[in-house]
Amino acid sequence: MALLEWSDKLSVNVDEIDAQHKKLIELINRLNDAWKNDFKREDVRSVFMELIDYTKYHFSSEEKYMEENGYPDLEAHKKQHEKFVKKLQNLQSKCSYNSKEVYTDLLSFLSNWIVVHIMHSDQEYVPYLSGAK
């Protein structure tokens, strides 16, 4: 069973961003699977690195959409993204890649953050990207 499931409640009504959010959820689920199945350090590490890289790519893409569409809270949103990336990098540097406690905390953090961020912070820019404002 997946840790996270995509639902329409998470949609920002921009196909490219929704696809990227789905990819992030997929990567978190793969990280969870790698952690649960045999806990092979290199598999976990590989997926975690892919998640960090893809997160940076997604944030850059999302910020470009917000900038192009005049989203007034872009700087505050960027700060949320920067804080998240720093937290991921911090967790990466602290991970021994064999500590179940670290991964339990990491997966809890990731699954909570992404859902809350998409359902609240990202929803704030939806009217600007859809031309409603």
Protein backbone atom coordinates (compact mmCIF):
# COMPACT_ATOMS: atom_id res chain seq x y z
CA MET A 1 0.00 0.00 0.00
CA ALA A 2 1.28 3.43 -0.93
CA LEU A 3 2.19 5.91 1.78
CA LEU A 4 0.60 8.73 -0.23
CA GLU A 5 -2.12 8.71 -2.87
CA TRP A 6 -2.85 11.41 -5.44
CA SER A 7 -6.32 12.89 -5.28
CA ASP A 8 -8.07 15.72 -7.10
CA LYS A 9 -7.95 17.72 -3.84
CA LEU A 10 -4.23 18.14 -4.54
CA SER A 11 -4.71 19.49 -8.05
CA VAL A 12 -3.64 23.05 -8.86
CA ASN A 13 -5.30 22.80 -12.29
CA VAL A 14 -2.03 23.19 -14.18
CA ASP A 15 -1.20 19.91 -15.91
CA GLU A 16 2.58 20.31 -15.72
CA ILE A 17 2.60 21.16 -12.02
CA ASP A 18 0.09 18.42 -11.19
CA ALA A 19 2.29 15.93 -13.03
CA GLN A 20 5.29 17.13 -11.03
CA HIS A 21 3.37 16.81 -7.76
CA LYS A 22 2.41 13.27 -8.77
CA LYS A 23 6.08 12.52 -9.44
CA LEU A 24 7.04 13.84 -5.99
CA ILE A 25 4.41 11.60 -4.41
CA GLU A 26 5.72 8.68 -6.46
CA LEU A 27 9.27 9.36 -5.23
CA ILE A 28 8.14 9.54 -1.61
CA ASN A 29 6.31 6.23 -2.10
CA ARG A 30 9.42 4.70 -3.70
CA LEU A 31 11.50 5.92 -0.77
CA ASN A 32 9.00 4.31 1.59
CA ASP A 33 9.10 1.08 -0.42
CA ALA A 34 12.91 1.05 -0.47
CA TRP A 35 12.93 1.60 3.27
CA LYS A 36 10.43 -1.19 3.95
CA ASN A 37 11.70 -3.75 1.44
CA ASP A 38 15.01 -5.18 2.55
CA PHE A 39 16.21 -1.71 3.57
CA LYS A 40 19.10 -1.74 1.09
CA ARG A 41 21.12 1.34 1.92
CA GLU A 42 22.08 2.12 -1.65
CA ASP A 43 18.49 1.84 -2.90
CA VAL A 44 17.27 4.18 -0.18
CA ARG A 45 20.12 6.60 -0.80
CA SER A 46 19.54 6.58 -4.55
CA VAL A 47 15.82 7.33 -4.25
CA PHE A 48 16.47 10.02 -1.63
CA MET A 49 18.99 11.75 -3.91
CA GLU A 50 16.52 11.56 -6.80
CA LEU A 51 13.85 13.09 -4.57
CA ILE A 52 16.11 15.99 -3.60
CA ASP A 53 17.08 16.66 -7.22
CA TYR A 54 13.52 16.41 -8.50
CA THR A 55 12.24 18.64 -5.70
CA LYS A 56 14.66 21.37 -6.76
CA TYR A 57 13.56 20.99 -10.39
CA HIS A 58 9.88 21.13 -9.42
CA PHE A 59 10.27 24.18 -7.20
CA SER A 60 12.10 26.03 -9.97
CA SER A 61 9.36 25.17 -12.45
CA GLU A 62 6.57 26.12 -10.08
CA GLU A 63 8.24 29.43 -9.19
CA LYS A 64 8.57 30.22 -12.90
CA TYR A 65 4.82 29.77 -13.35
CA MET A 66 4.14 32.01 -10.35
CA GLU A 67 6.50 34.71 -11.62
CA GLU A 68 5.08 34.65 -15.16
CA ASN A 69 1.56 34.98 -13.79
CA GLY A 70 2.23 37.77 -11.32
CA TYR A 71 1.69 35.83 -8.10
CA PRO A 72 2.15 38.51 -5.40
CA ASP A 73 3.41 36.17 -2.65
CA LEU A 74 6.15 34.61 -4.77
CA GLU A 75 8.99 35.56 -2.41
CA ALA A 76 7.26 34.05 0.62
CA HIS A 77 6.53 30.89 -1.37
CA LYS A 78 10.17 30.69 -2.50
CA LYS A 79 11.24 30.90 1.15
CA GLN A 80 9.04 27.90 1.96
CA HIS A 81 10.71 26.00 -0.87
CA GLU A 82 14.19 27.00 0.27
CA LYS A 83 13.43 25.94 3.83
CA PHE A 84 12.16 22.56 2.61
CA VAL A 85 15.24 21.92 0.46
CA LYS A 86 17.53 22.86 3.37
CA LYS A 87 15.60 20.48 5.63
CA LEU A 88 16.01 17.67 3.07
CA GLN A 89 19.72 18.39 2.75
CA ASN A 90 20.04 18.47 6.53
CA LEU A 91 18.29 15.13 6.82
CA GLN A 92 20.49 13.75 4.08
CA SER A 93 23.65 14.75 5.92
CA LYS A 94 22.32 13.27 9.18
CA CYS A 95 21.18 10.00 7.65
CA SER A 96 23.34 7.02 8.26
CA TYR A 97 21.13 5.30 5.67
CA ASN A 98 20.59 2.42 8.05
CA SER A 99 18.68 4.04 10.88
CA LYS A 100 15.01 3.15 10.89
CA GLU A 101 14.27 6.01 13.29
CA VAL A 102 15.74 8.52 10.86
CA TYR A 103 13.67 7.14 8.01
CA THR A 104 10.50 7.02 10.05
CA ASP A 105 10.98 10.71 10.85
CA LEU A 106 11.94 11.51 7.26
CA LEU A 107 8.92 9.79 5.73
CA SER A 108 6.58 11.33 8.24
CA PHE A 109 8.02 14.77 7.52
CA LEU A 110 7.83 14.30 3.74
CA SER A 111 4.32 12.94 3.62
CA ASN A 112 2.96 15.63 5.94
CA TRP A 113 4.83 18.50 4.33
CA ILE A 114 3.93 17.76 0.75
CA VAL A 115 0.22 17.31 1.41
CA VAL A 116 -0.03 20.40 3.61
CA HIS A 117 2.07 22.48 1.21
CA ILE A 118 0.07 21.49 -1.88
CA MET A 119 -3.33 21.77 -0.20
CA HIS A 120 -2.63 25.14 1.41
CA SER A 121 0.33 27.12 0.08
CA ASP A 122 0.07 25.94 -3.52
CA GLN A 123 -3.69 26.46 -3.60
CA GLU A 124 -3.09 30.15 -2.91
CA TYR A 125 -1.52 30.67 -6.35
CA VAL A 126 -4.19 28.72 -8.26
CA PRO A 127 -6.35 31.79 -9.07
CA TYR A 128 -3.32 33.57 -10.52
CA LEU A 129 -2.32 30.66 -12.73
CA SER A 130 -5.83 30.02 -13.94
CA GLY A 131 -6.42 33.65 -14.84
CA ALA A 132 -9.19 34.05 -12.25
CA LYS A 133 -7.54 37.16 -10.83
